[in-house]
N, C-alpha and C. Protein backbone atom coordinates (compact mmCIF):
# COMPACT_ATOMS: atom_id res chain seq x y z
N UNK A 1 -6.14 16.36 9.69
CA UNK A 1 -5.07 16.53 8.74
C UNK A 1 -5.59 17.32 7.56
N UNK A 2 -4.96 18.43 7.23
CA UNK A 2 -5.38 19.30 6.15
C UNK A 2 -4.47 19.06 4.95
N UNK A 3 -5.03 18.49 3.89
CA UNK A 3 -4.24 18.18 2.70
C UNK A 3 -4.44 19.23 1.63
N UNK A 4 -3.37 19.58 0.96
CA UNK A 4 -3.43 20.45 -0.20
C UNK A 4 -3.76 19.57 -1.40
N UNK A 5 -5.00 19.67 -1.91
CA UNK A 5 -5.47 18.79 -2.98
C UNK A 5 -4.61 18.94 -4.23
N UNK A 6 -4.27 20.16 -4.59
CA UNK A 6 -3.44 20.38 -5.78
C UNK A 6 -2.07 19.73 -5.65
N UNK A 7 -1.46 19.87 -4.50
CA UNK A 7 -0.14 19.27 -4.26
C UNK A 7 -0.23 17.75 -4.29
N UNK A 8 -1.26 17.19 -3.65
CA UNK A 8 -1.43 15.73 -3.64
C UNK A 8 -1.67 15.20 -5.05
N UNK A 9 -2.42 15.94 -5.86
CA UNK A 9 -2.67 15.52 -7.24
C UNK A 9 -1.36 15.46 -8.01
N UNK A 10 -0.51 16.45 -7.85
CA UNK A 10 0.78 16.45 -8.54
C UNK A 10 1.69 15.33 -8.06
N UNK A 11 1.68 15.05 -6.76
CA UNK A 11 2.48 13.95 -6.22
C UNK A 11 2.02 12.63 -6.83
N UNK A 12 0.70 12.42 -6.88
CA UNK A 12 0.15 11.19 -7.46
C UNK A 12 0.52 11.06 -8.93
N UNK A 13 0.35 12.13 -9.69
CA UNK A 13 0.68 12.08 -11.13
C UNK A 13 2.15 11.77 -11.34
N UNK A 14 3.02 12.39 -10.55
CA UNK A 14 4.46 12.13 -10.68
C UNK A 14 4.79 10.69 -10.32
N UNK A 15 4.16 10.19 -9.27
CA UNK A 15 4.41 8.81 -8.86
C UNK A 15 3.94 7.83 -9.93
N UNK A 16 2.75 8.04 -10.45
CA UNK A 16 2.23 7.13 -11.46
C UNK A 16 3.02 7.23 -12.76
N UNK A 17 3.57 8.38 -13.06
CA UNK A 17 4.43 8.51 -14.25
C UNK A 17 5.69 7.66 -14.08
N UNK A 18 6.25 7.64 -12.87
CA UNK A 18 7.44 6.81 -12.62
C UNK A 18 7.11 5.32 -12.70
N UNK A 19 5.87 4.96 -12.38
CA UNK A 19 5.47 3.55 -12.39
C UNK A 19 5.04 3.06 -13.77
N UNK A 20 4.90 3.99 -14.71
CA UNK A 20 4.46 3.60 -16.04
C UNK A 20 5.41 2.57 -16.65
N UNK A 21 4.85 1.52 -17.19
CA UNK A 21 5.65 0.47 -17.79
C UNK A 21 5.96 -0.69 -16.86
N UNK A 22 5.66 -0.55 -15.59
CA UNK A 22 5.86 -1.67 -14.65
C UNK A 22 4.86 -2.77 -15.00
N UNK A 23 5.36 -3.97 -15.17
CA UNK A 23 4.49 -5.09 -15.56
C UNK A 23 3.59 -5.56 -14.43
N UNK A 24 4.02 -5.42 -13.22
CA UNK A 24 3.28 -6.00 -12.10
C UNK A 24 2.60 -4.93 -11.24
N UNK A 25 2.36 -3.78 -11.82
CA UNK A 25 1.67 -2.71 -11.11
C UNK A 25 0.39 -2.40 -11.89
N UNK A 26 -0.74 -2.42 -11.20
CA UNK A 26 -2.02 -2.09 -11.84
C UNK A 26 -1.97 -0.61 -12.24
N UNK A 27 -2.05 -0.38 -13.53
CA UNK A 27 -1.86 0.97 -14.07
C UNK A 27 -2.99 1.91 -13.67
N UNK A 28 -2.59 3.10 -13.26
CA UNK A 28 -3.55 4.16 -13.00
C UNK A 28 -3.76 4.88 -14.33
N UNK A 29 -5.00 5.01 -14.74
CA UNK A 29 -5.24 5.64 -16.03
C UNK A 29 -5.44 7.15 -15.93
N UNK A 30 -6.01 7.61 -14.83
CA UNK A 30 -6.23 9.05 -14.68
C UNK A 30 -6.23 9.44 -13.21
N UNK A 31 -5.79 10.66 -12.96
CA UNK A 31 -5.91 11.28 -11.65
C UNK A 31 -6.70 12.57 -11.87
N UNK A 32 -7.85 12.66 -11.25
CA UNK A 32 -8.75 13.80 -11.42
C UNK A 32 -8.93 14.44 -10.06
N UNK A 33 -9.00 15.76 -10.04
CA UNK A 33 -9.23 16.43 -8.76
C UNK A 33 -10.19 17.59 -8.92
N UNK A 34 -10.86 17.91 -7.84
CA UNK A 34 -11.62 19.15 -7.74
C UNK A 34 -11.16 19.84 -6.47
N UNK A 35 -11.86 20.83 -6.01
CA UNK A 35 -11.39 21.58 -4.85
C UNK A 35 -11.47 20.79 -3.54
N UNK A 36 -12.20 19.67 -3.53
CA UNK A 36 -12.39 18.92 -2.29
C UNK A 36 -11.76 17.54 -2.27
N UNK A 37 -11.47 16.96 -3.43
CA UNK A 37 -11.03 15.56 -3.43
C UNK A 37 -10.18 15.25 -4.65
N UNK A 38 -9.46 14.14 -4.54
CA UNK A 38 -8.67 13.60 -5.65
C UNK A 38 -9.23 12.22 -5.96
N UNK A 39 -9.48 11.94 -7.24
CA UNK A 39 -10.03 10.66 -7.66
C UNK A 39 -8.98 9.94 -8.51
N UNK A 40 -8.75 8.68 -8.19
CA UNK A 40 -7.75 7.88 -8.90
C UNK A 40 -8.50 6.79 -9.66
N UNK A 41 -8.33 6.75 -10.98
CA UNK A 41 -9.03 5.77 -11.80
C UNK A 41 -8.03 4.76 -12.34
N UNK A 42 -8.42 3.50 -12.30
CA UNK A 42 -7.61 2.44 -12.88
C UNK A 42 -8.54 1.35 -13.39
N UNK A 43 -7.98 0.45 -14.17
CA UNK A 43 -8.74 -0.67 -14.69
C UNK A 43 -9.30 -1.50 -13.53
N UNK A 44 -10.53 -1.93 -13.68
CA UNK A 44 -11.13 -2.78 -12.64
C UNK A 44 -10.68 -4.22 -12.84
N UNK A 45 -10.20 -4.83 -11.79
CA UNK A 45 -9.89 -6.26 -11.80
C UNK A 45 -10.81 -6.90 -10.77
N UNK A 46 -11.44 -7.98 -11.16
CA UNK A 46 -12.52 -8.56 -10.37
C UNK A 46 -12.09 -9.03 -8.99
N UNK A 47 -10.95 -9.63 -8.88
CA UNK A 47 -10.52 -10.21 -7.60
C UNK A 47 -9.30 -9.51 -7.03
N UNK A 48 -9.20 -9.58 -5.73
CA UNK A 48 -7.94 -9.23 -5.07
C UNK A 48 -7.46 -10.49 -4.35
N UNK A 49 -6.27 -10.45 -3.83
CA UNK A 49 -5.70 -11.63 -3.20
C UNK A 49 -6.52 -12.08 -2.00
N UNK A 50 -7.03 -11.14 -1.24
CA UNK A 50 -7.84 -11.49 -0.08
C UNK A 50 -9.03 -12.36 -0.49
N UNK A 51 -9.72 -11.96 -1.56
CA UNK A 51 -10.86 -12.74 -2.05
C UNK A 51 -10.41 -14.06 -2.67
N UNK A 52 -9.32 -14.03 -3.42
CA UNK A 52 -8.87 -15.23 -4.14
C UNK A 52 -8.43 -16.34 -3.19
N UNK A 53 -7.87 -15.99 -2.05
CA UNK A 53 -7.41 -17.00 -1.09
C UNK A 53 -8.56 -17.90 -0.65
N UNK A 54 -9.75 -17.33 -0.53
CA UNK A 54 -10.88 -18.10 -0.01
C UNK A 54 -11.85 -18.57 -1.09
N UNK A 55 -11.46 -18.48 -2.36
CA UNK A 55 -12.33 -18.86 -3.47
C UNK A 55 -11.90 -20.21 -4.03
N UNK A 56 -12.87 -21.08 -4.30
CA UNK A 56 -12.58 -22.37 -4.94
C UNK A 56 -12.32 -22.16 -6.41
N UNK A 57 -11.47 -22.90 -7.04
CA UNK A 57 -10.57 -23.89 -6.46
C UNK A 57 -9.48 -23.19 -5.66
N UNK A 58 -9.19 -23.76 -4.49
CA UNK A 58 -8.18 -23.17 -3.62
C UNK A 58 -6.81 -23.24 -4.27
N UNK A 59 -5.96 -22.32 -3.89
CA UNK A 59 -4.63 -22.23 -4.48
C UNK A 59 -3.74 -23.40 -4.04
N UNK A 60 -3.00 -23.94 -4.99
CA UNK A 60 -2.02 -24.97 -4.66
C UNK A 60 -0.76 -24.29 -4.11
N UNK A 61 0.14 -25.06 -3.54
CA UNK A 61 1.39 -24.48 -3.02
C UNK A 61 2.20 -23.84 -4.14
N UNK A 62 2.22 -24.44 -5.33
CA UNK A 62 2.96 -23.84 -6.45
C UNK A 62 2.34 -22.52 -6.87
N UNK A 63 1.01 -22.44 -6.88
CA UNK A 63 0.35 -21.17 -7.22
C UNK A 63 0.65 -20.11 -6.16
N UNK A 64 0.67 -20.50 -4.91
CA UNK A 64 1.00 -19.56 -3.84
C UNK A 64 2.42 -19.04 -4.00
N UNK A 65 3.35 -19.94 -4.34
CA UNK A 65 4.74 -19.51 -4.55
C UNK A 65 4.82 -18.52 -5.71
N UNK A 66 4.09 -18.80 -6.78
CA UNK A 66 4.09 -17.92 -7.95
C UNK A 66 3.53 -16.54 -7.59
N UNK A 67 2.44 -16.50 -6.84
CA UNK A 67 1.85 -15.23 -6.42
C UNK A 67 2.81 -14.47 -5.51
N UNK A 68 3.44 -15.17 -4.57
CA UNK A 68 4.41 -14.53 -3.68
C UNK A 68 5.56 -13.92 -4.48
N UNK A 69 6.05 -14.65 -5.47
CA UNK A 69 7.14 -14.13 -6.31
C UNK A 69 6.69 -12.89 -7.06
N UNK A 70 5.46 -12.88 -7.55
CA UNK A 70 4.94 -11.72 -8.28
C UNK A 70 4.82 -10.50 -7.38
N UNK A 71 4.41 -10.70 -6.14
CA UNK A 71 4.32 -9.59 -5.19
C UNK A 71 5.70 -8.98 -4.98
N UNK A 72 6.69 -9.83 -4.77
CA UNK A 72 8.06 -9.34 -4.56
C UNK A 72 8.62 -8.67 -5.81
N UNK A 73 8.30 -9.21 -6.99
CA UNK A 73 8.76 -8.58 -8.24
C UNK A 73 8.09 -7.22 -8.44
N UNK A 74 6.82 -7.10 -8.07
CA UNK A 74 6.12 -5.82 -8.19
C UNK A 74 6.78 -4.77 -7.30
N UNK A 75 7.10 -5.16 -6.07
CA UNK A 75 7.78 -4.22 -5.17
C UNK A 75 9.16 -3.86 -5.70
N UNK A 76 9.87 -4.84 -6.23
CA UNK A 76 11.20 -4.56 -6.79
C UNK A 76 11.10 -3.54 -7.92
N UNK A 77 10.13 -3.73 -8.82
CA UNK A 77 9.94 -2.78 -9.92
C UNK A 77 9.66 -1.37 -9.39
N UNK A 78 8.77 -1.27 -8.43
CA UNK A 78 8.41 0.04 -7.87
C UNK A 78 9.59 0.67 -7.16
N UNK A 79 10.28 -0.10 -6.33
CA UNK A 79 11.42 0.44 -5.57
C UNK A 79 12.56 0.85 -6.49
N UNK A 80 12.77 0.13 -7.59
CA UNK A 80 13.81 0.52 -8.55
C UNK A 80 13.49 1.86 -9.20
N UNK A 81 12.21 2.23 -9.22
CA UNK A 81 11.79 3.52 -9.78
C UNK A 81 11.64 4.59 -8.70
N UNK A 82 12.05 4.24 -7.48
CA UNK A 82 12.00 5.21 -6.39
C UNK A 82 10.62 5.42 -5.79
N UNK A 83 9.73 4.44 -5.94
CA UNK A 83 8.37 4.57 -5.43
C UNK A 83 8.12 3.50 -4.37
N UNK A 84 7.63 3.94 -3.22
CA UNK A 84 7.20 3.02 -2.17
C UNK A 84 5.67 2.96 -2.20
N UNK A 85 5.12 1.82 -1.89
CA UNK A 85 3.67 1.63 -1.94
C UNK A 85 2.98 2.29 -0.75
N UNK A 86 3.36 1.93 0.44
CA UNK A 86 2.79 2.54 1.63
C UNK A 86 1.62 1.82 2.24
N UNK A 87 0.99 0.90 1.50
CA UNK A 87 -0.17 0.19 2.05
C UNK A 87 -0.30 -1.19 1.41
N UNK A 88 0.77 -1.98 1.47
CA UNK A 88 0.74 -3.33 0.91
C UNK A 88 -0.09 -4.21 1.83
N UNK A 89 -1.16 -4.75 1.30
CA UNK A 89 -2.02 -5.70 2.02
C UNK A 89 -2.73 -6.54 0.97
N UNK A 90 -3.32 -7.64 1.38
CA UNK A 90 -3.90 -8.57 0.41
C UNK A 90 -5.01 -7.94 -0.42
N UNK A 91 -5.70 -6.95 0.11
CA UNK A 91 -6.74 -6.25 -0.66
C UNK A 91 -6.15 -5.39 -1.77
N UNK A 92 -4.88 -5.03 -1.68
CA UNK A 92 -4.23 -4.19 -2.69
C UNK A 92 -3.38 -4.99 -3.66
N UNK A 93 -3.48 -6.31 -3.61
CA UNK A 93 -2.88 -7.18 -4.62
C UNK A 93 -4.04 -7.66 -5.48
N UNK A 94 -4.16 -7.12 -6.69
CA UNK A 94 -5.28 -7.49 -7.56
C UNK A 94 -4.87 -8.68 -8.42
N UNK A 95 -5.86 -9.51 -8.74
CA UNK A 95 -5.60 -10.78 -9.40
C UNK A 95 -6.42 -10.91 -10.68
N UNK A 96 -5.82 -11.54 -11.69
CA UNK A 96 -6.59 -11.92 -12.87
C UNK A 96 -7.08 -13.35 -12.67
N UNK A 97 -7.90 -13.83 -13.58
CA UNK A 97 -8.39 -15.21 -13.49
C UNK A 97 -7.28 -16.22 -13.75
N UNK A 98 -6.13 -15.77 -14.26
CA UNK A 98 -4.97 -16.64 -14.52
C UNK A 98 -3.97 -16.59 -13.36
N UNK A 99 -4.37 -16.03 -12.25
CA UNK A 99 -3.51 -15.88 -11.07
C UNK A 99 -2.31 -14.98 -11.32
N UNK A 100 -2.46 -14.01 -12.20
CA UNK A 100 -1.43 -12.98 -12.34
C UNK A 100 -1.73 -11.90 -11.31
N UNK A 101 -0.74 -11.57 -10.53
CA UNK A 101 -0.91 -10.60 -9.45
C UNK A 101 -0.27 -9.27 -9.82
N UNK A 102 -0.95 -8.20 -9.47
CA UNK A 102 -0.42 -6.85 -9.65
C UNK A 102 -0.65 -6.07 -8.37
N UNK A 103 0.25 -5.17 -8.09
CA UNK A 103 0.14 -4.31 -6.92
C UNK A 103 -0.66 -3.07 -7.33
N UNK A 104 -1.67 -2.73 -6.55
CA UNK A 104 -2.54 -1.61 -6.88
C UNK A 104 -2.65 -0.65 -5.70
N UNK A 105 -3.23 0.50 -5.99
CA UNK A 105 -3.60 1.47 -4.96
C UNK A 105 -2.42 1.96 -4.13
N UNK A 106 -1.40 2.46 -4.82
CA UNK A 106 -0.27 3.08 -4.13
C UNK A 106 -0.80 4.26 -3.33
N UNK A 107 -0.22 4.49 -2.15
CA UNK A 107 -0.82 5.42 -1.20
C UNK A 107 0.16 6.45 -0.65
N UNK A 108 0.69 7.37 -1.48
CA UNK A 108 1.61 8.37 -0.95
C UNK A 108 0.91 9.40 -0.06
N UNK A 109 -0.39 9.45 -0.12
CA UNK A 109 -1.15 10.42 0.66
C UNK A 109 -1.46 9.93 2.07
N UNK A 110 -1.24 8.66 2.33
CA UNK A 110 -1.50 8.13 3.67
C UNK A 110 -0.31 8.45 4.58
N UNK A 111 -0.56 8.61 5.87
CA UNK A 111 0.55 8.96 6.76
C UNK A 111 1.57 7.83 6.86
N UNK A 112 2.84 8.21 6.89
CA UNK A 112 3.90 7.22 7.05
C UNK A 112 3.92 6.70 8.47
N UNK A 113 3.80 7.60 9.42
CA UNK A 113 3.89 7.23 10.84
C UNK A 113 2.53 7.40 11.51
N UNK A 114 2.24 6.48 12.43
CA UNK A 114 0.96 6.46 13.13
C UNK A 114 1.20 6.44 14.63
N UNK A 115 0.36 7.13 15.41
CA UNK A 115 0.53 7.08 16.86
C UNK A 115 0.24 5.68 17.39
N UNK A 116 1.12 5.19 18.24
CA UNK A 116 0.98 3.83 18.79
C UNK A 116 -0.17 3.73 19.79
N UNK A 117 -0.53 4.86 20.40
CA UNK A 117 -1.54 4.82 21.46
C UNK A 117 -2.92 5.26 21.01
N UNK A 118 -3.12 5.49 19.71
CA UNK A 118 -4.42 5.95 19.21
C UNK A 118 -4.70 5.25 17.87
N UNK A 119 -5.58 4.25 17.86
CA UNK A 119 -5.82 3.49 16.64
C UNK A 119 -6.71 4.20 15.61
N UNK A 120 -7.18 5.40 15.90
CA UNK A 120 -8.11 6.07 15.00
C UNK A 120 -7.53 6.27 13.60
N UNK A 121 -6.29 6.77 13.50
CA UNK A 121 -5.69 6.98 12.18
C UNK A 121 -5.46 5.66 11.45
N UNK A 122 -5.00 4.64 12.17
CA UNK A 122 -4.82 3.33 11.55
C UNK A 122 -6.15 2.83 11.00
N UNK A 123 -7.20 2.89 11.80
CA UNK A 123 -8.51 2.42 11.36
C UNK A 123 -9.01 3.19 10.15
N UNK A 124 -8.81 4.50 10.14
CA UNK A 124 -9.29 5.33 9.03
C UNK A 124 -8.53 5.05 7.74
N UNK A 125 -7.21 5.02 7.81
CA UNK A 125 -6.39 4.91 6.61
C UNK A 125 -6.08 3.48 6.18
N UNK A 126 -5.96 2.56 7.11
CA UNK A 126 -5.41 1.25 6.77
C UNK A 126 -6.32 0.06 7.07
N UNK A 127 -7.47 0.27 7.69
CA UNK A 127 -8.34 -0.86 8.03
C UNK A 127 -9.78 -0.56 7.62
N UNK A 128 -9.96 -0.08 6.40
CA UNK A 128 -11.29 0.30 5.93
C UNK A 128 -12.25 -0.89 5.89
N UNK A 129 -11.72 -2.09 5.68
CA UNK A 129 -12.57 -3.28 5.61
C UNK A 129 -12.89 -3.85 6.98
N UNK A 130 -12.34 -3.26 8.03
CA UNK A 130 -12.58 -3.68 9.42
C UNK A 130 -12.17 -5.14 9.66
N UNK A 131 -11.11 -5.58 9.00
CA UNK A 131 -10.61 -6.95 9.19
C UNK A 131 -9.76 -7.06 10.44
N UNK A 132 -9.34 -5.95 10.98
CA UNK A 132 -8.46 -5.91 12.15
C UNK A 132 -7.19 -6.71 11.89
N UNK A 133 -6.64 -6.50 10.72
CA UNK A 133 -5.40 -7.14 10.29
C UNK A 133 -4.41 -6.02 10.00
N UNK A 134 -3.24 -6.08 10.59
CA UNK A 134 -2.26 -5.01 10.43
C UNK A 134 -1.04 -5.51 9.66
N UNK A 135 -0.81 -4.92 8.50
CA UNK A 135 0.37 -5.25 7.69
C UNK A 135 1.36 -4.08 7.69
N UNK A 136 1.30 -3.25 8.70
CA UNK A 136 2.14 -2.06 8.79
C UNK A 136 3.42 -2.41 9.55
N UNK A 137 4.56 -1.97 9.02
CA UNK A 137 5.85 -2.22 9.68
C UNK A 137 5.85 -1.57 11.06
N UNK A 138 6.44 -2.25 12.06
CA UNK A 138 6.41 -1.72 13.43
C UNK A 138 7.08 -0.36 13.58
N UNK A 139 8.08 -0.06 12.74
CA UNK A 139 8.75 1.24 12.88
C UNK A 139 7.88 2.41 12.44
N UNK A 140 6.72 2.12 11.86
CA UNK A 140 5.80 3.19 11.46
C UNK A 140 4.94 3.67 12.62
N UNK A 141 4.98 2.99 13.75
CA UNK A 141 4.22 3.42 14.93
C UNK A 141 5.16 4.16 15.88
N UNK A 142 4.69 5.26 16.42
CA UNK A 142 5.54 6.06 17.31
C UNK A 142 4.82 6.37 18.62
N UNK A 143 5.62 6.55 19.67
CA UNK A 143 5.11 6.96 20.98
C UNK A 143 5.10 8.48 21.06
N UNK A 144 4.29 9.02 21.95
CA UNK A 144 4.09 10.46 22.06
C UNK A 144 5.39 11.23 22.28
N UNK A 145 6.31 10.75 23.07
CA UNK A 145 7.54 11.49 23.35
C UNK A 145 8.71 11.13 22.47
N UNK A 146 8.49 10.35 21.44
CA UNK A 146 9.60 9.87 20.61
C UNK A 146 10.14 10.95 19.68
N UNK A 147 11.31 10.69 19.12
CA UNK A 147 11.92 11.64 18.18
C UNK A 147 11.06 11.80 16.94
N UNK A 148 10.38 10.75 16.53
CA UNK A 148 9.48 10.83 15.36
C UNK A 148 8.35 11.81 15.67
N UNK A 149 7.77 11.73 16.87
CA UNK A 149 6.69 12.64 17.24
C UNK A 149 7.16 14.08 17.20
N UNK A 150 8.37 14.34 17.66
CA UNK A 150 8.91 15.71 17.64
C UNK A 150 9.15 16.17 16.21
N UNK A 151 9.67 15.29 15.37
CA UNK A 151 9.90 15.67 13.96
C UNK A 151 8.58 15.90 13.24
N UNK A 152 7.57 15.08 13.53
CA UNK A 152 6.26 15.27 12.90
C UNK A 152 5.64 16.59 13.35
N UNK A 153 5.80 16.94 14.61
CA UNK A 153 5.25 18.20 15.12
C UNK A 153 5.90 19.40 14.45
N UNK A 154 7.17 19.28 14.11
CA UNK A 154 7.88 20.37 13.44
C UNK A 154 7.67 20.40 11.95
N UNK A 155 7.03 19.37 11.40
CA UNK A 155 6.81 19.26 9.96
C UNK A 155 5.37 18.84 9.74
N UNK A 156 4.45 19.77 9.93
CA UNK A 156 3.03 19.44 9.97
C UNK A 156 2.48 18.82 8.70
N UNK A 157 3.09 19.10 7.54
CA UNK A 157 2.57 18.51 6.31
C UNK A 157 3.18 17.15 6.00
N UNK A 158 4.13 16.69 6.78
CA UNK A 158 4.72 15.37 6.59
C UNK A 158 5.56 15.23 5.34
N UNK A 159 6.03 16.37 4.80
CA UNK A 159 6.74 16.33 3.52
C UNK A 159 8.23 16.08 3.66
N UNK A 160 8.74 16.06 4.86
CA UNK A 160 10.17 15.86 5.05
C UNK A 160 10.62 14.50 4.56
N UNK A 161 11.70 14.46 3.80
CA UNK A 161 12.16 13.21 3.22
C UNK A 161 12.53 12.19 4.28
N UNK A 162 13.09 12.66 5.40
CA UNK A 162 13.47 11.72 6.46
C UNK A 162 12.24 11.09 7.11
N UNK A 163 11.06 11.67 6.87
CA UNK A 163 9.82 11.13 7.42
C UNK A 163 9.07 10.28 6.41
N UNK A 164 9.62 10.11 5.23
CA UNK A 164 8.93 9.40 4.16
C UNK A 164 9.01 7.89 4.29
N UNK A 165 8.28 7.25 3.40
CA UNK A 165 8.29 5.78 3.34
C UNK A 165 9.64 5.27 2.91
N UNK A 166 9.97 4.08 3.40
CA UNK A 166 11.22 3.42 3.00
C UNK A 166 10.87 2.05 2.43
N UNK A 167 11.67 1.55 1.49
CA UNK A 167 11.40 0.23 0.92
C UNK A 167 11.28 -0.86 1.98
N UNK A 168 12.05 -0.78 3.05
CA UNK A 168 11.99 -1.80 4.10
C UNK A 168 10.59 -1.90 4.71
N UNK A 169 9.88 -0.79 4.75
CA UNK A 169 8.52 -0.79 5.29
C UNK A 169 7.59 -1.61 4.39
N UNK A 170 7.74 -1.44 3.07
CA UNK A 170 6.95 -2.22 2.12
C UNK A 170 7.30 -3.70 2.18
N UNK A 171 8.58 -4.00 2.35
CA UNK A 171 9.02 -5.40 2.41
C UNK A 171 8.39 -6.10 3.62
N UNK A 172 8.36 -5.42 4.76
CA UNK A 172 7.71 -6.00 5.94
C UNK A 172 6.25 -6.31 5.62
N UNK A 173 5.56 -5.34 5.02
CA UNK A 173 4.14 -5.52 4.68
C UNK A 173 3.95 -6.67 3.71
N UNK A 174 4.85 -6.77 2.72
CA UNK A 174 4.77 -7.88 1.76
C UNK A 174 4.94 -9.22 2.48
N UNK A 175 5.82 -9.27 3.45
CA UNK A 175 6.00 -10.49 4.24
C UNK A 175 4.72 -10.88 4.96
N UNK A 176 4.01 -9.89 5.48
CA UNK A 176 2.72 -10.17 6.14
C UNK A 176 1.71 -10.73 5.14
N UNK A 177 1.68 -10.16 3.95
CA UNK A 177 0.75 -10.63 2.91
C UNK A 177 1.11 -12.06 2.49
N UNK A 178 2.39 -12.32 2.31
CA UNK A 178 2.83 -13.66 1.91
C UNK A 178 2.52 -14.68 3.01
N UNK A 179 2.70 -14.29 4.26
CA UNK A 179 2.33 -15.18 5.37
C UNK A 179 0.84 -15.47 5.34
N UNK A 180 0.03 -14.44 5.11
CA UNK A 180 -1.42 -14.63 5.02
C UNK A 180 -1.76 -15.57 3.86
N UNK A 181 -1.07 -15.42 2.75
CA UNK A 181 -1.28 -16.28 1.58
C UNK A 181 -1.02 -17.75 1.93
N UNK A 182 0.11 -18.03 2.56
CA UNK A 182 0.47 -19.40 2.88
C UNK A 182 -0.30 -19.97 4.08
N UNK A 183 -0.91 -19.09 4.86
CA UNK A 183 -1.75 -19.54 5.98
C UNK A 183 -3.23 -19.57 5.60
N UNK A 184 -3.49 -19.52 4.29
CA UNK A 184 -4.85 -19.60 3.74
C UNK A 184 -5.79 -18.54 4.29
N UNK A 185 -5.29 -17.31 4.38
CA UNK A 185 -6.12 -16.19 4.77
C UNK A 185 -6.19 -15.90 6.24
N UNK A 186 -5.48 -16.65 7.04
CA UNK A 186 -5.47 -16.38 8.48
C UNK A 186 -4.29 -15.47 8.80
N UNK A 187 -4.58 -14.19 9.11
CA UNK A 187 -3.46 -13.26 9.37
C UNK A 187 -2.74 -13.57 10.66
């Protein structure tokens, strides 16, 4: 996949500008690019939800409900601003020591659709921690002869709006994260 770094930088800056002021989104402070890469800087938060689930003291049911509500409120804020996350998973829900949850690491540069018969792209973009846990909505996977495959072939840069992320995809992923939360980290 050949990405135009300048174009991706502008997409990221525009997306983060729309997210400015969201209470439950970890703020991106800078987007920096050179000719080879784009760097996204944000405040460091020590824990993410994946780590917090398995850290003592373990979360009570009320704390889990509160975190689940915050995840859904974060998505609502982003979707109201026309922004989809694209990679909602427990590692991208950052936590404070007071159990305040924020959604981080929005991913407009990751592919919306993935081949169902080749896990290489999924592993590269969505399973960097090698947990073998999939929080991707099923409609994001396509078969070789499907209409999505034909549309992707005709639109090599993936910029077509009909090929973009939809809020329903994020909601499915949030449901997976909430299930993982209530199952104490067992996906």
